[in-house]
Amino acid sequence: MVDKDILRYTLRTNRELFRKFRYIAEYEGRSANREIEQFMKQRVKQFEEQHGEITAEDNK
């Protein structure tokens, strides 16, 4: 069964940068995917603190 709330996204980035990023993620006890998710959550929180909550209406 596929979770409809999970989005697959292909990230294109520099190999050396990603190698270093994966090292940091593993150091923090996370997968690279979970580390990216943490960064995204932090950035959304920061943005919403400055500009207000992003709603489903805003995201059309």
PDB file of N, CA and C in Angstrom:
ATOM      1  N   MET A   1       0.839  -1.184   0.000  1.00  0.00           N
ATOM      2  CA  MET A   1       0.000   0.000   0.000  1.00  0.00           C
ATOM      3  C   MET A   1       0.885   1.249   0.000  1.00  0.00           C
ATOM      4  N   VAL A   2       0.559   2.208  -0.839  1.00  0.00           N
ATOM      5  CA  VAL A   2       1.332   3.440  -0.974  1.00  0.00           C
ATOM      6  C   VAL A   2       0.698   4.533  -0.120  1.00  0.00           C
ATOM      7  N   ASP A   3       1.506   5.225   0.669  1.00  0.00           N
ATOM      8  CA  ASP A   3       1.031   6.354   1.473  1.00  0.00           C
ATOM      9  C   ASP A   3       0.914   7.563   0.565  1.00  0.00           C
ATOM     10  N   LYS A   4      -0.295   8.067   0.383  1.00  0.00           N
ATOM     11  CA  LYS A   4      -0.529   9.186  -0.532  1.00  0.00           C
ATOM     12  C   LYS A   4       0.059  10.501  -0.018  1.00  0.00           C
ATOM     13  N   ASP A   5       0.442  10.559   1.263  1.00  0.00           N
ATOM     14  CA  ASP A   5       1.047  11.772   1.818  1.00  0.00           C
ATOM     15  C   ASP A   5       2.553  11.828   1.602  1.00  0.00           C
ATOM     16  N   ILE A   6       3.132  10.747   1.111  1.00  0.00           N
ATOM     17  CA  ILE A   6       4.572  10.699   0.872  1.00  0.00           C
ATOM     18  C   ILE A   6       4.857  11.059  -0.585  1.00  0.00           C
ATOM     19  N   LEU A   7       5.710  12.050  -0.782  1.00  0.00           N
ATOM     20  CA  LEU A   7       6.088  12.499  -2.114  1.00  0.00           C
ATOM     21  C   LEU A   7       7.497  12.023  -2.422  1.00  0.00           C
ATOM     22  N   ARG A   8       7.682  11.482  -3.593  1.00  0.00           N
ATOM     23  CA  ARG A   8       9.033  11.130  -4.055  1.00  0.00           C
ATOM     24  C   ARG A   8       9.543  12.306  -4.874  1.00  0.00           C
ATOM     25  N   TYR A   9      10.789  12.693  -4.630  1.00  0.00           N
ATOM     26  CA  TYR A   9      11.382  13.836  -5.314  1.00  0.00           C
ATOM     27  C   TYR A   9      12.827  13.501  -5.635  1.00  0.00           C
ATOM     28  N   THR A  10      13.230  13.744  -6.861  1.00  0.00           N
ATOM     29  CA  THR A  10      14.612  13.500  -7.259  1.00  0.00           C
ATOM     30  C   THR A  10      15.423  14.766  -7.036  1.00  0.00           C
ATOM     31  N   LEU A  11      16.488  14.642  -6.287  1.00  0.00           N
ATOM     32  CA  LEU A  11      17.363  15.768  -5.993  1.00  0.00           C
ATOM     33  C   LEU A  11      18.623  15.639  -6.832  1.00  0.00           C
ATOM     34  N   ARG A  12      18.943  16.683  -7.555  1.00  0.00           N
ATOM     35  CA  ARG A  12      20.184  16.709  -8.330  1.00  0.00           C
ATOM     36  C   ARG A  12      21.152  17.658  -7.620  1.00  0.00           C
ATOM     37  N   THR A  13      22.317  17.146  -7.280  1.00  0.00           N
ATOM     38  CA  THR A  13      23.292  17.965  -6.562  1.00  0.00           C
ATOM     39  C   THR A  13      24.708  17.464  -6.835  1.00  0.00           C
ATOM     40  N   ASN A  14      25.664  18.253  -6.477  1.00  0.00           N
ATOM     41  CA  ASN A  14      27.072  17.914  -6.619  1.00  0.00           C
ATOM     42  C   ASN A  14      27.404  16.675  -5.777  1.00  0.00           C
ATOM     43  N   ARG A  15      28.124  15.723  -6.349  1.00  0.00           N
ATOM     44  CA  ARG A  15      28.438  14.464  -5.647  1.00  0.00           C
ATOM     45  C   ARG A  15      29.249  14.685  -4.379  1.00  0.00           C
ATOM     46  N   GLU A  16      30.256  15.544  -4.456  1.00  0.00           N
ATOM     47  CA  GLU A  16      31.106  15.778  -3.282  1.00  0.00           C
ATOM     48  C   GLU A  16      30.307  16.442  -2.165  1.00  0.00           C
ATOM     49  N   LEU A  17      29.467  17.391  -2.521  1.00  0.00           N
ATOM     50  CA  LEU A  17      28.612  18.037  -1.519  1.00  0.00           C
ATOM     51  C   LEU A  17      27.706  17.010  -0.857  1.00  0.00           C
ATOM     52  N   PHE A  18      27.107  16.136  -1.654  1.00  0.00           N
ATOM     53  CA  PHE A  18      26.206  15.129  -1.093  1.00  0.00           C
ATOM     54  C   PHE A  18      26.968  14.115  -0.244  1.00  0.00           C
ATOM     55  N   ARG A  19      28.172  13.758  -0.656  1.00  0.00           N
ATOM     56  CA  ARG A  19      28.988  12.840   0.149  1.00  0.00           C
ATOM     57  C   ARG A  19      29.227  13.424   1.539  1.00  0.00           C
ATOM     58  N   LYS A  20      29.563  14.700   1.598  1.00  0.00           N
ATOM     59  CA  LYS A  20      29.793  15.368   2.881  1.00  0.00           C
ATOM     60  C   LYS A  20      28.493  15.474   3.679  1.00  0.00           C
ATOM     61  N   PHE A  21      27.402  15.777   2.978  1.00  0.00           N
ATOM     62  CA  PHE A  21      26.105  15.872   3.638  1.00  0.00           C
ATOM     63  C   PHE A  21      25.703  14.530   4.249  1.00  0.00           C
ATOM     64  N   ARG A  22      25.922  13.443   3.502  1.00  0.00           N
ATOM     65  CA  ARG A  22      25.596  12.116   4.016  1.00  0.00           C
ATOM     66  C   ARG A  22      26.440  11.796   5.250  1.00  0.00           C
ATOM     67  N   TYR A  23      27.706  12.203   5.250  1.00  0.00           N
ATOM     68  CA  TYR A  23      28.568  11.998   6.419  1.00  0.00           C
ATOM     69  C   TYR A  23      27.956  12.680   7.640  1.00  0.00           C
ATOM     70  N   ILE A  24      27.528  13.923   7.466  1.00  0.00           N
ATOM     71  CA  ILE A  24      26.923  14.675   8.570  1.00  0.00           C
ATOM     72  C   ILE A  24      25.644  13.993   9.042  1.00  0.00           C
ATOM     73  N   ALA A  25      24.810  13.571   8.104  1.00  0.00           N
ATOM     74  CA  ALA A  25      23.559  12.896   8.455  1.00  0.00           C
ATOM     75  C   ALA A  25      23.835  11.648   9.285  1.00  0.00           C
ATOM     76  N   GLU A  26      24.779  10.829   8.838  1.00  0.00           N
ATOM     77  CA  GLU A  26      25.117   9.612   9.573  1.00  0.00           C
ATOM     78  C   GLU A  26      25.685   9.950  10.951  1.00  0.00           C
ATOM     79  N   TYR A  27      26.477  10.998  11.038  1.00  0.00           N
ATOM     80  CA  TYR A  27      27.021  11.447  12.319  1.00  0.00           C
ATOM     81  C   TYR A  27      25.886  11.804  13.281  1.00  0.00           C
ATOM     82  N   GLU A  28      24.820  12.398  12.736  1.00  0.00           N
ATOM     83  CA  GLU A  28      23.662  12.793  13.533  1.00  0.00           C
ATOM     84  C   GLU A  28      22.691  11.632  13.759  1.00  0.00           C
ATOM     85  N   GLY A  29      22.998  10.459  13.197  1.00  0.00           N
ATOM     86  CA  GLY A  29      22.151   9.294  13.391  1.00  0.00           C
ATOM     87  C   GLY A  29      20.929   9.266  12.488  1.00  0.00           C
ATOM     88  N   ARG A  30      21.024   9.949  11.349  1.00  0.00           N
ATOM     89  CA  ARG A  30      19.905  10.009  10.415  1.00  0.00           C
ATOM     90  C   ARG A  30      20.348   9.541   9.040  1.00  0.00           C
ATOM     91  N   SER A  31      19.366   9.167   8.236  1.00  0.00           N
ATOM     92  CA  SER A  31      19.629   8.933   6.823  1.00  0.00           C
ATOM     93  C   SER A  31      19.736  10.298   6.154  1.00  0.00           C
ATOM     94  N   ALA A  32      20.294  10.329   4.961  1.00  0.00           N
ATOM     95  CA  ALA A  32      20.360  11.598   4.220  1.00  0.00           C
ATOM     96  C   ALA A  32      18.952  12.131   3.983  1.00  0.00           C
ATOM     97  N   ASN A  33      18.016  11.240   3.692  1.00  0.00           N
ATOM     98  CA  ASN A  33      16.633  11.658   3.456  1.00  0.00           C
ATOM     99  C   ASN A  33      16.041  12.327   4.693  1.00  0.00           C
ATOM    100  N   ARG A  34      16.247  11.740   5.860  1.00  0.00           N
ATOM    101  CA  ARG A  34      15.719  12.323   7.109  1.00  0.00           C
ATOM    102  C   ARG A  34      16.407  13.656   7.434  1.00  0.00           C
ATOM    103  N   GLU A  35      17.669  13.748   7.111  1.00  0.00           N
ATOM    104  CA  GLU A  35      18.394  15.002   7.352  1.00  0.00           C
ATOM    105  C   GLU A  35      17.830  16.110   6.462  1.00  0.00           C
ATOM    106  N   ILE A  36      17.545  15.795   5.206  1.00  0.00           N
ATOM    107  CA  ILE A  36      16.927  16.775   4.301  1.00  0.00           C
ATOM    108  C   ILE A  36      15.568  17.178   4.841  1.00  0.00           C
ATOM    109  N   GLU A  37      14.798  16.203   5.311  1.00  0.00           N
ATOM    110  CA  GLU A  37      13.477  16.491   5.870  1.00  0.00           C
ATOM    111  C   GLU A  37      13.591  17.427   7.078  1.00  0.00           C
ATOM    112  N   GLN A  38      14.590  17.220   7.930  1.00  0.00           N
ATOM    113  CA  GLN A  38      14.798  18.106   9.084  1.00  0.00           C
ATOM    114  C   GLN A  38      15.105  19.537   8.637  1.00  0.00           C
ATOM    115  N   PHE A  39      15.962  19.674   7.624  1.00  0.00           N
ATOM    116  CA  PHE A  39      16.268  21.000   7.100  1.00  0.00           C
ATOM    117  C   PHE A  39      15.017  21.671   6.539  1.00  0.00           C
ATOM    118  N   MET A  40      14.206  20.904   5.834  1.00  0.00           N
ATOM    119  CA  MET A  40      12.982  21.460   5.263  1.00  0.00           C
ATOM    120  C   MET A  40      12.031  21.943   6.365  1.00  0.00           C
ATOM    121  N   LYS A  41      11.870  21.145   7.411  1.00  0.00           N
ATOM    122  CA  LYS A  41      10.999  21.526   8.525  1.00  0.00           C
ATOM    123  C   LYS A  41      11.502  22.804   9.193  1.00  0.00           C
ATOM    124  N   GLN A  42      12.817  22.888   9.402  1.00  0.00           N
ATOM    125  CA  GLN A  42      13.392  24.088  10.023  1.00  0.00           C
ATOM    126  C   GLN A  42      13.157  25.317   9.152  1.00  0.00           C
ATOM    127  N   ARG A  43      13.342  25.175   7.858  1.00  0.00           N
ATOM    128  CA  ARG A  43      13.194  26.302   6.939  1.00  0.00           C
ATOM    129  C   ARG A  43      11.746  26.766   6.858  1.00  0.00           C
ATOM    130  N   VAL A  44      10.801  25.813   6.812  1.00  0.00           N
ATOM    131  CA  VAL A  44       9.383  26.177   6.785  1.00  0.00           C
ATOM    132  C   VAL A  44       9.010  26.899   8.075  1.00  0.00           C
ATOM    133  N   LYS A  45       9.464  26.387   9.203  1.00  0.00           N
ATOM    134  CA  LYS A  45       9.180  27.028  10.493  1.00  0.00           C
ATOM    135  C   LYS A  45       9.722  28.453  10.507  1.00  0.00           C
ATOM    136  N   GLN A  46      10.956  28.620  10.065  1.00  0.00           N
ATOM    137  CA  GLN A  46      11.593  29.940  10.027  1.00  0.00           C
ATOM    138  C   GLN A  46      10.799  30.888   9.127  1.00  0.00           C
ATOM    139  N   PHE A  47      10.421  30.430   7.956  1.00  0.00           N
ATOM    140  CA  PHE A  47       9.667  31.250   7.008  1.00  0.00           C
ATOM    141  C   PHE A  47       8.323  31.657   7.606  1.00  0.00           C
ATOM    142  N   GLU A  48       7.603  30.684   8.190  1.00  0.00           N
ATOM    143  CA  GLU A  48       6.283  30.973   8.747  1.00  0.00           C
ATOM    144  C   GLU A  48       6.360  31.913   9.948  1.00  0.00           C
ATOM    145  N   GLU A  49       7.439  31.840  10.722  1.00  0.00           N
ATOM    146  CA  GLU A  49       7.610  32.775  11.837  1.00  0.00           C
ATOM    147  C   GLU A  49       7.744  34.206  11.325  1.00  0.00           C
ATOM    148  N   GLN A  50       8.358  34.369  10.165  1.00  0.00           N
ATOM    149  CA  GLN A  50       8.573  35.700   9.596  1.00  0.00           C
ATOM    150  C   GLN A  50       7.385  36.201   8.779  1.00  0.00           C
ATOM    151  N   HIS A  51       6.681  35.277   8.100  1.00  0.00           N
ATOM    152  CA  HIS A  51       5.679  35.673   7.118  1.00  0.00           C
ATOM    153  C   HIS A  51       4.278  35.151   7.390  1.00  0.00           C
ATOM    154  N   GLY A  52       4.098  34.369   8.418  1.00  0.00           N
ATOM    155  CA  GLY A  52       2.785  33.774   8.707  1.00  0.00           C
ATOM    156  C   GLY A  52       2.686  32.384   8.113  1.00  0.00           C
ATOM    157  N   GLU A  53       1.687  31.655   8.611  1.00  0.00           N
ATOM    158  CA  GLU A  53       1.506  30.266   8.196  1.00  0.00           C
ATOM    159  C   GLU A  53       1.197  30.138   6.721  1.00  0.00           C
ATOM    160  N   ILE A  54       1.786  29.164   6.091  1.00  0.00           N
ATOM    161  CA  ILE A  54       1.504  28.833   4.704  1.00  0.00           C
ATOM    162  C   ILE A  54       0.299  27.898   4.725  1.00  0.00           C
ATOM    163  N   THR A  55      -0.746  28.255   4.027  1.00  0.00           N
ATOM    164  CA  THR A  55      -1.962  27.434   4.010  1.00  0.00           C
ATOM    165  C   THR A  55      -2.084  26.669   2.702  1.00  0.00           C
ATOM    166  N   ALA A  56      -3.018  25.739   2.679  1.00  0.00           N
ATOM    167  CA  ALA A  56      -3.278  24.974   1.456  1.00  0.00           C
ATOM    168  C   ALA A  56      -3.695  25.933   0.330  1.00  0.00           C
ATOM    169  N   GLU A  57      -4.391  26.996   0.673  1.00  0.00           N
ATOM    170  CA  GLU A  57      -4.813  28.006  -0.306  1.00  0.00           C
ATOM    171  C   GLU A  57      -3.603  28.669  -0.954  1.00  0.00           C
ATOM    172  N   ASP A  58      -2.576  28.947  -0.138  1.00  0.00           N
ATOM    173  CA  ASP A  58      -1.353  29.589  -0.655  1.00  0.00           C
ATOM    174  C   ASP A  58      -0.591  28.665  -1.589  1.00  0.00           C
ATOM    175  N   ASN A  59      -0.790  27.388  -1.433  1.00  0.00           N
ATOM    176  CA  ASN A  59       0.036  26.396  -2.095  1.00  0.00           C
ATOM    177  C   ASN A  59      -0.577  25.852  -3.377  1.00  0.00           C
ATOM    178  N   LYS A  60      -1.475  26.585  -3.980  1.00  0.00           N
ATOM    179  CA  LYS A  60      -2.117  26.121  -5.232  1.00  0.00           C
ATOM    180  C   LYS A  60      -1.287  26.448  -6.433  1.00  0.00           C
TER     181      LYS A  60
END
